[in-house]
Each structure stands twice: as C-alpha cells, then as structure tokens.
C-alpha cells in the first residue's frame, strides 16, 4: 500500500496531498494579496503553489494539470499574462479556466494543480 503524505493539514482540508508519484494541491487563493488586482492575486497564488510543490518534492516543471477559476472573464488576459510568465516553456500542463463566484468577495482568482513528484 502506498503511503499518503498530507502537507499543511487544516481542520477542513490539506493544502497538498502526495500519493504515489502525484501531488494534488487544494485550490489556492491570494492570502497576501486578497482584494488586490487579478495580476497581483495571480502572482501571490503562483508563489504559494511554488512553495507547496517544493514541500512535496516537486516543482512547476512537473505540472500535469491546472484548474483556474476567475470571477470575471474580462480579466482573463490579465491573469494569463502572469501565468504565461510563470510556467516553464514546453512544460505547460493541461489547463481549464472558468468564470465562477469564489468563496469570498476579496478573491478574484483560485488555482488548483496536480503535479508529478
């Protein structure tokens, strides 16, 4: 049986779960940039993803999939400018991006990823 490693465990969820050769991140929001622009929130989220992937023994070059939720599709290009500068060229994951109402009004972007370890 493969062990399960949980990272940054909270009462409701773990921020990352490693099972086998995969790491699953919970949806990440911009805690340090809550209420800021979509670009600033995206930068904050991606920095957090980098940190969680490192704790799991992975990095953004090993992304397999990403799901992005934004509250206003008119900010799609603003989010993408930050995303495009962050991802590793030639190592981009499968990705979906949808417009959605998020859990709190100060959040404009949420991102969840799965990566190989």
Protein backbone atom coordinates (compact mmCIF):
# COMPACT_ATOMS: atom_id res chain seq x y z
CA UNK A 1 0.00 0.00 0.00
CA UNK A 2 1.31 3.46 -0.92
CA UNK A 3 1.65 5.98 1.86
CA UNK A 4 -0.24 9.25 1.74
CA UNK A 5 1.59 12.40 2.82
CA UNK A 6 -0.51 15.43 3.75
CA UNK A 7 1.04 18.92 3.79
CA UNK A 8 -0.26 21.92 5.74
CA UNK A 9 -3.15 19.98 7.22
CA UNK A 10 -6.10 22.01 8.46
CA UNK A 11 -9.44 21.10 10.00
CA UNK A 12 -11.22 21.19 6.63
CA UNK A 13 -8.54 20.27 4.12
CA UNK A 14 -4.86 19.75 3.45
CA UNK A 15 -3.16 22.26 1.18
CA UNK A 16 -1.36 19.43 -0.62
CA UNK A 17 -1.62 15.65 -0.66
CA UNK A 18 1.09 13.39 -2.07
CA UNK A 19 0.12 9.88 -3.13
CA UNK A 20 2.44 7.72 -5.18
CA UNK A 21 4.12 9.93 -7.76
CA UNK A 22 1.44 12.63 -7.70
CA UNK A 23 0.84 15.77 -5.65
CA UNK A 24 -2.63 17.29 -5.52
CA UNK A 25 -2.95 20.91 -4.37
CA UNK A 26 -6.12 22.35 -2.91
CA UNK A 27 -7.49 25.42 -4.62
CA UNK A 28 -5.12 28.28 -3.78
CA UNK A 29 -6.19 31.87 -3.26
CA UNK A 30 -4.20 35.06 -2.70
CA UNK A 31 -3.92 35.35 1.07
CA UNK A 32 -1.24 38.07 0.92
CA UNK A 33 -2.89 39.94 -1.97
CA UNK A 34 -6.58 39.48 -1.13
CA UNK A 35 -8.54 42.36 -2.64
CA UNK A 36 -5.68 43.33 -4.99
CA UNK A 37 -5.76 43.19 -8.79
CA UNK A 38 -6.11 39.92 -10.66
CA UNK A 39 -2.43 40.17 -11.68
CA UNK A 40 -1.28 40.65 -8.08
CA UNK A 41 -3.51 37.86 -6.82
CA UNK A 42 -2.25 35.52 -9.55
CA UNK A 43 1.39 36.30 -8.65
CA UNK A 44 0.66 35.60 -4.97
CA UNK A 45 -1.11 32.33 -5.75
CA UNK A 46 1.66 31.09 -8.04
CA UNK A 47 4.30 31.87 -5.39
CA UNK A 48 2.26 29.81 -2.95
CA UNK A 49 1.99 26.98 -5.46
CA UNK A 50 5.78 27.05 -5.90
CA UNK A 51 6.22 26.75 -2.12
CA UNK A 52 3.73 23.89 -1.76
CA UNK A 53 5.21 21.98 -4.68
CA UNK A 54 8.67 22.34 -3.13
CA UNK A 55 7.37 20.94 0.17
CA UNK A 56 6.01 17.99 -1.80
CA UNK A 57 9.31 17.41 -3.64
CA UNK A 58 8.11 18.76 -6.98
CA UNK A 59 8.11 22.00 -8.98
CA UNK A 60 6.19 23.80 -11.72
CA UNK A 61 8.11 21.98 -14.48
CA UNK A 62 6.27 18.82 -13.40
CA UNK A 63 2.72 20.20 -13.59
CA UNK A 64 0.21 17.81 -15.14
CA UNK A 65 -2.99 19.82 -14.88
CA UNK A 66 -4.31 23.15 -13.64
CA UNK A 67 -7.80 24.42 -13.00
CA UNK A 68 -8.25 28.18 -12.73
CA UNK A 69 -11.36 29.96 -11.54
CA UNK A 70 -11.70 33.71 -12.09
CA UNK A 71 -14.62 35.86 -11.00
CA UNK A 72 -14.74 37.93 -14.18
CA UNK A 73 -13.75 36.53 -17.57
CA UNK A 74 -12.88 40.07 -18.72
CA UNK A 75 -9.72 39.67 -16.54
CA UNK A 76 -8.65 36.52 -18.42
CA UNK A 77 -5.83 38.30 -20.30
CA UNK A 78 -4.55 39.93 -17.09
CA UNK A 79 -4.36 36.54 -15.36
CA UNK A 80 -2.82 34.89 -18.43
CA UNK A 81 -0.01 37.47 -18.64
CA UNK A 82 1.16 36.43 -15.16
CA UNK A 83 0.54 32.72 -15.80
CA UNK A 84 2.45 32.78 -19.12
CA UNK A 85 5.48 34.41 -17.46
CA UNK A 86 5.42 31.78 -14.68
CA UNK A 87 5.01 28.45 -16.49
CA UNK A 88 8.03 26.65 -17.88
CA UNK A 89 8.04 26.87 -21.71
CA UNK A 90 7.47 23.45 -23.22
CA UNK A 91 6.34 22.04 -19.83
CA UNK A 92 2.87 23.58 -19.66
CA UNK A 93 0.09 21.49 -18.07
CA UNK A 94 -3.35 20.63 -19.32
CA UNK A 95 -5.49 23.52 -18.14
CA UNK A 96 -9.06 24.70 -17.72
CA UNK A 97 -10.16 28.21 -16.83
CA UNK A 98 -13.73 29.10 -15.94
CA UNK A 99 -15.63 32.06 -14.55
CA UNK A 100 -17.06 31.37 -11.11
CA UNK A 101 -18.18 33.01 -7.91
CA UNK A 102 -15.48 32.30 -5.29
CA UNK A 103 -15.86 31.69 -1.55
CA UNK A 104 -15.19 35.29 -0.50
CA UNK A 105 -15.55 38.56 -2.44
CA UNK A 106 -11.92 39.65 -1.92
CA UNK A 107 -10.73 36.69 -4.00
CA UNK A 108 -10.73 37.12 -7.78
CA UNK A 109 -8.66 34.06 -8.73
CA UNK A 110 -8.30 30.50 -7.44
CA UNK A 111 -5.93 27.89 -8.86
CA UNK A 112 -5.61 24.16 -8.19
CA UNK A 113 -2.90 21.98 -9.72
CA UNK A 114 -1.79 18.37 -9.94
CA UNK A 115 1.90 17.63 -10.47
CA UNK A 116 4.23 14.67 -10.70
CA UNK A 117 6.68 14.24 -7.82
